[in-house]
Amino acid sequence: MGQDQTKQQIEKGLQLYQSNQTEKALHVWMKVLEKSADLVGRFRVLGCLVTAHSEMGRYKEMLKFAVVQIDTARELEDADFLLESYLNLARSNEKLCEFHKTVSYCKTCLGLPGTRAGAQLGGQVSLSMGNAFLGLSLFQKALESFEKALRYAHNNDDAMLECRVCCSLGSFYAQVKDYEKALFFPCKAAELVNDYGKGWSLKYRAMSQYHMAVAYRLLGHLGSAMECCEESMKIALQHGDRPLQALCLLCFADIHRSRGDLETAFPRYDSAMSIMTEIGNRLGQVQVLLGVAKCWIARKALDKLSQLKLHCLSESIYRSKGLQRELRAHVVRFHECVEETELYCGLCGESIGERNSRLQALPCSHIFHLRCLQNNGTRSCPNCRRSSMKPGFV
């Protein structure tokens, strides 16, 4: 397949893709990849495949094509192509929540010698790096990267990039709990879509509506949150955007939980988890687990042991995300549950039931770690001071 025919087939695939005939577009592009000897054409078609698999949530395939694209860029010995391919590799790892790798590849992009594409792609590199820092809970670095991306957007009149940065800033401020700003930035993104987005993909409108829904829910405006989330979900379903469908399902579940309708929330959390697992969004899976945990805690009939396990789970999640305020709250509630259930060793003070350990019940029915009793050497129960230390039967 020659250069002209390669261009025609790439264009044919793009037309199919834009008319939502995604599988047909992929088939056309894969044929180009198999038959074309034109390296530049192969590079371009690999870029199309990376983008398509990203929007479908097929992140492992996205990564595979990004790696092949880097090899093609090296064959071409062109710095512009190399920059673009490293950016696609960074984005692939960002989608797979491999945030340290994302930062590393973004730094590689920024370290490449001056290229023509640098002015255009520099903002996108900073945005991807900011998203990775946000995933790592490195908030100051995330904000610095988002501000750099925003400057790139303004200096180059790139409204599309500005729209994406505003959505990421919405996520940033939602995490640090400034809910007014968490709403302001997605609203700004929606304004950009209305003003400049006539020829843009509908995904930009869907993205801004989703982030507005999240902010409205956090502010307690549940009706507005539901309207925005429904609009975002409608577009996601039309375009087969699995990642956005998962996020919308999570948002729907959170809205129902906020309304106290837990029975409606649970199946939506299940559906969100199913898609998050399918596409490999580990951070999304954590957010689903947090929502489910909050649902169970909200149930008045929940037994104390289940509450203890849920607080323990929430503590681990918040510790891994570096959210100190939420972590402290769950540590306190975990220890309150431990005291209420008396599920702690009276010798070492550690909780019982949090991890596998050998226990010993005394005739007075108090329970201790076996190692603590063996090391203590006393002849009476440390809790009630009964003199018999004869082991119980359980």
Protein backbone atom coordinates (compact mmCIF):
# COMPACT_ATOMS: atom_id res chain seq x y z
CA MET A 1 0.00 0.00 0.00
CA GLY A 2 1.52 3.30 -1.14
CA GLN A 3 1.56 6.72 0.50
CA ASP A 4 -1.56 8.08 -1.25
CA GLN A 5 -3.62 4.96 -0.62
CA THR A 6 -2.51 4.97 3.03
CA LYS A 7 -3.77 8.55 3.45
CA GLN A 8 -7.10 7.67 1.82
CA GLN A 9 -7.62 4.69 4.11
CA ILE A 10 -6.72 6.68 7.24
CA GLU A 11 -9.27 9.33 6.20
CA LYS A 12 -11.87 6.64 5.52
CA GLY A 13 -11.31 5.26 9.02
CA LEU A 14 -11.68 8.72 10.55
CA GLN A 15 -15.00 9.26 8.76
CA LEU A 16 -16.28 5.92 10.04
CA TYR A 17 -15.08 6.70 13.55
CA GLN A 18 -16.73 10.12 13.61
CA SER A 19 -20.02 8.54 12.52
CA ASN A 20 -19.79 6.13 15.52
CA GLN A 21 -18.90 3.10 13.37
CA THR A 22 -15.96 2.37 15.62
CA GLU A 23 -15.38 -1.31 14.87
CA LYS A 24 -15.41 -0.66 11.11
CA ALA A 25 -12.91 2.18 11.60
CA LEU A 26 -10.63 -0.09 13.62
CA HIS A 27 -10.81 -2.74 10.89
CA VAL A 28 -9.75 -0.19 8.23
CA TRP A 29 -6.86 1.11 10.34
CA MET A 30 -5.60 -2.39 11.18
CA LYS A 31 -5.53 -3.21 7.45
CA VAL A 32 -3.40 -0.08 6.88
CA LEU A 33 -1.04 -1.23 9.63
CA GLU A 34 -0.71 -4.66 8.02
CA LYS A 35 -0.24 -3.55 4.41
CA SER A 36 1.31 -0.06 4.36
CA ALA A 37 5.05 0.40 3.95
CA ASP A 38 4.77 4.18 4.51
CA LEU A 39 6.31 4.86 7.93
CA VAL A 40 4.66 8.27 8.35
CA GLY A 41 1.28 6.76 7.47
CA ARG A 42 1.86 3.91 9.91
CA PHE A 43 2.73 6.43 12.62
CA ARG A 44 -0.49 8.36 11.98
CA VAL A 45 -2.68 5.27 11.98
CA LEU A 46 -1.10 4.12 15.26
CA GLY A 47 -2.07 7.50 16.73
CA CYS A 48 -5.66 6.92 15.58
CA LEU A 49 -5.66 3.46 17.18
CA VAL A 50 -4.29 4.86 20.47
CA THR A 51 -7.05 7.49 20.62
CA ALA A 52 -9.83 5.06 19.68
CA HIS A 53 -8.82 2.45 22.25
CA SER A 54 -8.51 5.16 24.89
CA GLU A 55 -12.09 6.32 24.35
CA MET A 56 -13.36 2.73 24.37
CA GLY A 57 -11.57 1.99 27.64
CA ARG A 58 -9.30 -0.64 26.12
CA TYR A 59 -6.27 0.70 27.91
CA LYS A 60 -3.98 -2.32 27.54
CA GLU A 61 -4.47 -2.26 23.76
CA MET A 62 -3.91 1.51 23.87
CA LEU A 63 -0.57 0.92 25.59
CA LYS A 64 0.38 -1.76 23.06
CA PHE A 65 -0.14 0.58 20.09
CA ALA A 66 1.67 3.42 21.91
CA VAL A 67 4.75 1.20 22.31
CA VAL A 68 4.67 0.29 18.59
CA GLN A 69 4.30 3.99 17.74
CA ILE A 70 7.49 4.82 19.68
CA ASP A 71 9.39 2.19 17.68
CA THR A 72 8.05 3.73 14.45
CA ALA A 73 9.08 7.23 15.59
CA ARG A 74 12.61 5.97 16.24
CA GLU A 75 12.75 4.51 12.75
CA LEU A 76 11.68 7.88 11.35
CA GLU A 77 14.37 9.64 13.46
CA ASP A 78 12.07 12.63 13.89
CA ALA A 79 11.93 14.51 17.23
CA ASP A 80 8.34 15.70 16.67
CA PHE A 81 7.11 12.15 16.13
CA LEU A 82 9.09 10.97 19.16
CA LEU A 83 7.50 13.65 21.36
CA GLU A 84 4.00 12.69 20.23
CA SER A 85 4.61 8.98 20.80
CA TYR A 86 6.04 9.50 24.30
CA LEU A 87 2.98 11.60 25.14
CA ASN A 88 0.73 8.74 24.00
CA LEU A 89 2.77 6.35 26.15
CA ALA A 90 2.34 8.69 29.13
CA ARG A 91 -1.42 8.90 28.55
CA SER A 92 -1.70 5.11 28.27
CA ASN A 93 -0.04 4.66 31.64
CA GLU A 94 -2.17 7.44 33.12
CA LYS A 95 -5.32 5.55 32.08
CA LEU A 96 -3.95 2.36 33.66
CA CYS A 97 -3.23 4.33 36.88
CA GLU A 98 0.51 3.74 36.49
CA PHE A 99 1.11 7.30 37.65
CA HIS A 100 4.84 7.09 38.39
CA LYS A 101 5.44 5.84 34.83
CA THR A 102 3.23 8.64 33.49
CA VAL A 103 5.33 11.27 35.25
CA SER A 104 8.53 9.65 33.98
CA TYR A 105 7.36 9.64 30.34
CA CYS A 106 6.09 13.21 30.63
CA LYS A 107 9.51 14.29 31.89
CA THR A 108 11.05 12.51 28.89
CA CYS A 109 8.77 14.58 26.63
CA LEU A 110 9.79 17.81 28.33
CA GLY A 111 13.46 16.84 28.12
CA LEU A 112 13.46 16.31 24.35
CA PRO A 113 15.33 18.97 22.34
CA GLY A 114 13.28 21.81 20.85
CA THR A 115 10.65 20.56 18.40
CA ARG A 116 7.99 22.15 16.22
CA ALA A 117 5.36 20.12 18.03
CA GLY A 118 6.59 21.23 21.46
CA ALA A 119 4.50 24.40 21.51
CA GLN A 120 1.38 22.46 20.59
CA LEU A 121 1.89 19.39 22.78
CA GLY A 122 3.64 20.99 25.79
CA GLY A 123 0.31 21.87 27.36
CA GLN A 124 -0.98 18.34 26.89
CA VAL A 125 2.18 16.95 28.50
CA SER A 126 1.68 19.25 31.52
CA LEU A 127 -1.98 18.21 31.74
CA SER A 128 -1.14 14.49 31.72
CA MET A 129 1.56 15.08 34.34
CA GLY A 130 -0.92 17.03 36.49
CA ASN A 131 -3.46 14.20 36.29
CA ALA A 132 -0.76 11.73 37.36
CA PHE A 133 0.32 13.90 40.32
CA LEU A 134 -3.35 14.18 41.32
CA GLY A 135 -3.63 10.38 41.20
CA LEU A 136 -0.59 10.21 43.51
CA SER A 137 -2.16 12.83 45.85
CA LEU A 138 0.76 15.21 45.22
CA PHE A 139 -1.53 18.21 45.17
CA GLN A 140 0.99 21.07 44.93
CA LYS A 141 2.78 19.45 41.99
CA ALA A 142 -0.57 18.69 40.35
CA LEU A 143 -1.66 22.33 40.64
CA GLU A 144 1.66 23.57 39.24
CA SER A 145 1.27 21.28 36.22
CA PHE A 146 -2.35 22.33 35.63
CA GLU A 147 -1.34 26.00 35.77
CA LYS A 148 1.41 25.36 33.19
CA ALA A 149 -1.09 23.60 30.93
CA LEU A 150 -3.50 26.51 31.30
CA ARG A 151 -0.77 28.98 30.30
CA TYR A 152 -0.01 26.88 27.22
CA ALA A 153 -3.72 26.93 26.34
CA HIS A 154 -3.99 30.72 26.71
CA ASN A 155 -0.74 31.47 24.87
CA ASN A 156 -1.75 29.28 21.92
CA ASP A 157 -5.50 30.09 21.91
CA ASP A 158 -6.19 26.39 22.46
CA ALA A 159 -9.75 26.35 23.82
CA MET A 160 -9.93 22.55 23.58
CA LEU A 161 -6.92 22.14 25.89
CA GLU A 162 -8.31 24.79 28.25
CA CYS A 163 -11.57 22.82 28.44
CA ARG A 164 -9.71 19.64 29.45
CA VAL A 165 -7.60 21.49 32.04
CA CYS A 166 -10.71 23.04 33.58
CA CYS A 167 -12.25 19.59 34.01
CA SER A 168 -9.07 18.33 35.71
CA LEU A 169 -9.08 21.40 38.00
CA GLY A 170 -12.66 20.48 38.89
CA SER A 171 -11.40 17.06 40.05
CA PHE A 172 -8.54 18.70 41.93
CA TYR A 173 -10.77 21.03 43.94
CA ALA A 174 -13.31 18.27 44.58
CA GLN A 175 -10.53 16.24 46.23
CA VAL A 176 -9.27 19.12 48.38
CA LYS A 177 -12.90 19.97 49.24
CA ASP A 178 -13.34 23.44 47.77
CA TYR A 179 -16.67 22.59 46.22
CA GLU A 180 -17.36 26.08 44.84
CA LYS A 181 -14.19 25.91 42.73
CA ALA A 182 -14.95 22.27 41.93
CA LEU A 183 -18.10 23.58 40.22
CA PHE A 184 -16.61 26.79 38.78
CA PHE A 185 -14.03 25.11 36.56
CA PRO A 186 -16.33 22.52 34.90
CA CYS A 187 -18.84 25.35 34.31
CA LYS A 188 -16.01 27.26 32.60
CA ALA A 189 -15.34 24.16 30.49
CA ALA A 190 -19.03 23.99 29.53
CA GLU A 191 -18.89 27.67 28.49
CA LEU A 192 -15.89 26.93 26.25
CA VAL A 193 -17.80 24.06 24.64
CA ASN A 194 -20.77 26.36 23.97
CA ASP A 195 -18.59 29.19 22.61
CA TYR A 196 -15.99 27.30 20.57
CA GLY A 197 -17.04 23.67 20.40
CA LYS A 198 -19.24 23.63 17.30
CA GLY A 199 -16.84 21.29 15.51
CA TRP A 200 -15.59 19.48 18.60
CA SER A 201 -16.37 15.94 19.58
CA LEU A 202 -19.38 15.65 21.91
CA LYS A 203 -17.05 14.01 24.45
CA TYR A 204 -15.98 17.49 25.60
CA ARG A 205 -19.57 18.40 26.46
CA ALA A 206 -20.04 15.03 28.17
CA MET A 207 -16.83 15.49 30.16
CA SER A 208 -17.77 18.96 31.43
CA GLN A 209 -21.30 17.80 32.35
CA TYR A 210 -19.92 14.86 34.34
CA HIS A 211 -17.59 17.07 36.39
CA MET A 212 -20.42 19.54 36.99
CA ALA A 213 -22.56 16.63 38.25
CA VAL A 214 -19.86 15.62 40.75
CA ALA A 215 -19.57 19.18 42.08
CA TYR A 216 -23.33 19.71 42.29
CA ARG A 217 -23.67 16.50 44.33
CA LEU A 218 -20.94 17.56 46.73
CA LEU A 219 -22.72 20.90 47.17
CA GLY A 220 -25.99 19.10 47.89
CA HIS A 221 -27.74 20.22 44.66
CA LEU A 222 -28.86 16.70 43.83
CA GLY A 223 -31.42 17.63 41.16
CA SER A 224 -28.85 19.56 39.13
CA ALA A 225 -26.32 16.77 39.67
CA MET A 226 -28.76 14.21 38.26
CA GLU A 227 -29.56 16.37 35.19
CA CYS A 228 -25.88 16.88 34.33
CA CYS A 229 -25.02 13.22 34.90
CA GLU A 230 -27.93 12.06 32.72
CA GLU A 231 -26.77 14.27 29.86
CA SER A 232 -23.20 13.03 30.19
CA MET A 233 -24.36 9.40 30.29
CA LYS A 234 -26.53 9.89 27.20
CA ILE A 235 -23.52 11.05 25.16
CA ALA A 236 -21.30 8.32 26.62
CA LEU A 237 -23.80 5.65 25.54
CA GLN A 238 -24.12 7.15 22.05
CA HIS A 239 -20.36 7.07 21.54
CA GLY A 240 -19.61 3.80 23.32
CA ASP A 241 -17.41 5.65 25.82
CA ARG A 242 -17.01 2.93 28.47
CA PRO A 243 -14.75 4.92 30.85
CA LEU A 244 -17.24 7.79 31.02
CA GLN A 245 -20.15 5.36 31.42
CA ALA A 246 -18.40 3.91 34.48
CA LEU A 247 -17.82 7.37 35.97
CA CYS A 248 -21.46 8.34 35.38
CA LEU A 249 -22.70 5.14 37.03
CA LEU A 250 -20.50 5.93 40.03
CA CYS A 251 -21.90 9.46 40.14
CA PHE A 252 -25.49 8.15 39.88
CA ALA A 253 -24.79 5.79 42.79
CA ASP A 254 -23.32 8.63 44.88
CA ILE A 255 -26.38 10.80 44.15
CA HIS A 256 -28.76 8.04 45.26
CA ARG A 257 -26.66 7.45 48.37
CA SER A 258 -26.81 11.17 49.17
CA ARG A 259 -30.61 10.95 48.87
CA GLY A 260 -30.64 8.02 51.28
CA ASP A 261 -31.84 5.61 48.56
CA LEU A 262 -29.30 2.89 49.27
CA GLU A 263 -31.20 0.11 47.49
CA THR A 264 -30.94 2.08 44.21
CA ALA A 265 -27.30 3.01 44.88
CA PHE A 266 -25.96 -0.53 45.37
CA PRO A 267 -26.66 -1.92 41.85
CA ARG A 268 -25.17 1.21 40.28
CA TYR A 269 -22.01 0.76 42.32
CA ASP A 270 -21.93 -2.87 41.11
CA SER A 271 -22.26 -1.80 37.47
CA ALA A 272 -19.58 0.88 37.88
CA MET A 273 -17.22 -1.63 39.49
CA SER A 274 -17.79 -4.12 36.68
CA ILE A 275 -16.73 -1.58 34.02
CA MET A 276 -13.88 -0.16 36.13
CA THR A 277 -12.49 -3.68 36.53
CA GLU A 278 -12.96 -4.45 32.83
CA ILE A 279 -11.05 -1.36 31.66
CA GLY A 280 -8.40 -1.45 34.39
CA ASN A 281 -9.27 1.81 36.20
CA ARG A 282 -7.89 0.96 39.65
CA LEU A 283 -8.45 4.44 41.07
CA GLY A 284 -12.09 4.22 39.98
CA GLN A 285 -12.39 0.86 41.74
CA VAL A 286 -11.18 2.46 44.97
CA GLN A 287 -13.80 5.22 44.63
CA VAL A 288 -16.53 2.61 44.13
CA LEU A 289 -15.40 0.73 47.26
CA LEU A 290 -15.50 3.97 49.24
CA GLY A 291 -19.06 4.62 48.09
CA VAL A 292 -20.16 1.09 48.98
CA ALA A 293 -18.51 1.38 52.40
CA LYS A 294 -20.37 4.65 53.06
CA CYS A 295 -23.64 2.96 52.07
CA TRP A 296 -23.13 0.17 54.56
CA ILE A 297 -22.17 2.60 57.30
CA ALA A 298 -25.36 4.56 56.61
CA ARG A 299 -27.47 1.47 57.25
CA LYS A 300 -28.77 1.64 60.81
CA ALA A 301 -29.13 -2.13 61.08
CA LEU A 302 -25.47 -2.79 60.28
CA ASP A 303 -23.87 -4.95 62.96
CA LYS A 304 -20.86 -3.64 64.86
CA LEU A 305 -18.41 -6.16 63.41
CA SER A 306 -19.34 -5.14 59.85
CA GLN A 307 -18.94 -1.49 60.84
CA LEU A 308 -15.51 -2.28 62.26
CA LYS A 309 -14.44 -4.02 59.04
CA LEU A 310 -15.74 -1.16 56.91
CA HIS A 311 -13.93 1.47 58.97
CA CYS A 312 -10.78 -0.64 58.68
CA LEU A 313 -11.23 -0.82 54.88
CA SER A 314 -11.90 2.91 54.63
CA GLU A 315 -8.85 3.64 56.79
CA SER A 316 -6.63 1.64 54.40
CA ILE A 317 -8.09 3.35 51.34
CA TYR A 318 -7.75 6.89 52.69
CA ARG A 319 -4.22 6.14 53.94
CA SER A 320 -3.19 4.96 50.45
CA LYS A 321 -4.69 8.12 48.89
CA GLY A 322 -3.03 10.42 51.45
CA LEU A 323 -6.35 11.98 52.57
CA GLN A 324 -5.44 12.73 56.17
CA ARG A 325 -8.71 14.30 57.36
CA GLU A 326 -10.83 11.33 56.26
CA LEU A 327 -8.17 8.93 57.54
CA ARG A 328 -8.30 10.42 61.05
CA ALA A 329 -12.11 10.26 61.12
CA HIS A 330 -12.16 6.56 60.26
CA VAL A 331 -9.34 5.74 62.71
CA VAL A 332 -11.40 7.32 65.50
CA ARG A 333 -14.58 5.49 64.46
CA PHE A 334 -12.67 2.22 64.08
CA HIS A 335 -11.37 2.44 67.66
CA GLU A 336 -14.84 3.38 68.92
CA CYS A 337 -16.20 0.18 67.35
CA VAL A 338 -13.33 -1.83 68.84
CA GLU A 339 -14.17 -0.53 72.34
CA GLU A 340 -17.92 -1.09 71.92
CA THR A 341 -17.39 -4.70 70.78
CA GLU A 342 -14.54 -5.25 73.29
CA LEU A 343 -12.60 -6.81 70.42
CA TYR A 344 -9.14 -5.91 71.67
CA CYS A 345 -6.43 -7.64 73.60
CA GLY A 346 -6.30 -6.38 77.21
CA LEU A 347 -2.55 -6.92 77.30
CA CYS A 348 -1.18 -5.30 74.14
CA GLY A 349 -4.22 -3.11 73.35
CA GLU A 350 -4.28 -4.14 69.66
CA SER A 351 -7.63 -4.90 68.01
CA ILE A 352 -8.75 -8.49 67.50
CA GLY A 353 -10.26 -9.53 64.19
CA GLU A 354 -8.31 -7.06 62.05
CA ARG A 355 -5.78 -9.68 60.89
CA ASN A 356 -5.11 -13.40 61.31
CA SER A 357 -3.65 -14.17 64.77
CA ARG A 358 -3.71 -16.99 67.37
CA LEU A 359 -6.15 -16.27 70.20
CA GLN A 360 -6.92 -17.75 73.62
CA ALA A 361 -10.28 -17.52 75.41
CA LEU A 362 -10.14 -17.76 79.24
CA PRO A 363 -12.86 -19.35 81.45
CA CYS A 364 -14.16 -15.82 82.14
CA SER A 365 -14.71 -15.47 78.32
CA HIS A 366 -12.19 -12.67 77.87
CA ILE A 367 -10.08 -13.14 74.71
CA PHE A 368 -6.38 -12.37 74.34
CA HIS A 369 -3.58 -12.96 71.89
CA LEU A 370 -2.00 -16.28 72.79
CA ARG A 371 1.49 -14.79 72.52
CA CYS A 372 0.55 -12.02 74.99
CA LEU A 373 -0.68 -14.51 77.60
CA GLN A 374 2.45 -16.62 77.16
CA ASN A 375 4.72 -13.59 77.56
CA ASN A 376 2.77 -12.02 80.45
CA GLY A 377 3.34 -14.73 83.07
CA THR A 378 0.48 -13.60 85.38
CA ARG A 379 -1.92 -16.15 86.99
CA SER A 380 -5.06 -14.00 86.73
CA CYS A 381 -7.09 -12.54 83.86
CA PRO A 382 -5.71 -9.09 83.03
CA ASN A 383 -9.24 -7.76 82.50
CA CYS A 384 -11.33 -9.06 85.40
CA ARG A 385 -8.51 -10.34 87.67
CA ARG A 386 -10.03 -13.79 88.12
CA SER A 387 -7.33 -16.00 89.51
CA SER A 388 -7.74 -19.05 87.29
CA MET A 389 -5.66 -18.98 84.13
CA LYS A 390 -6.87 -22.41 83.01
CA PRO A 391 -7.61 -22.14 79.29
CA GLY A 392 -11.24 -22.12 78.23
CA PHE A 393 -12.77 -24.59 75.83
CA VAL A 394 -13.16 -22.22 72.86
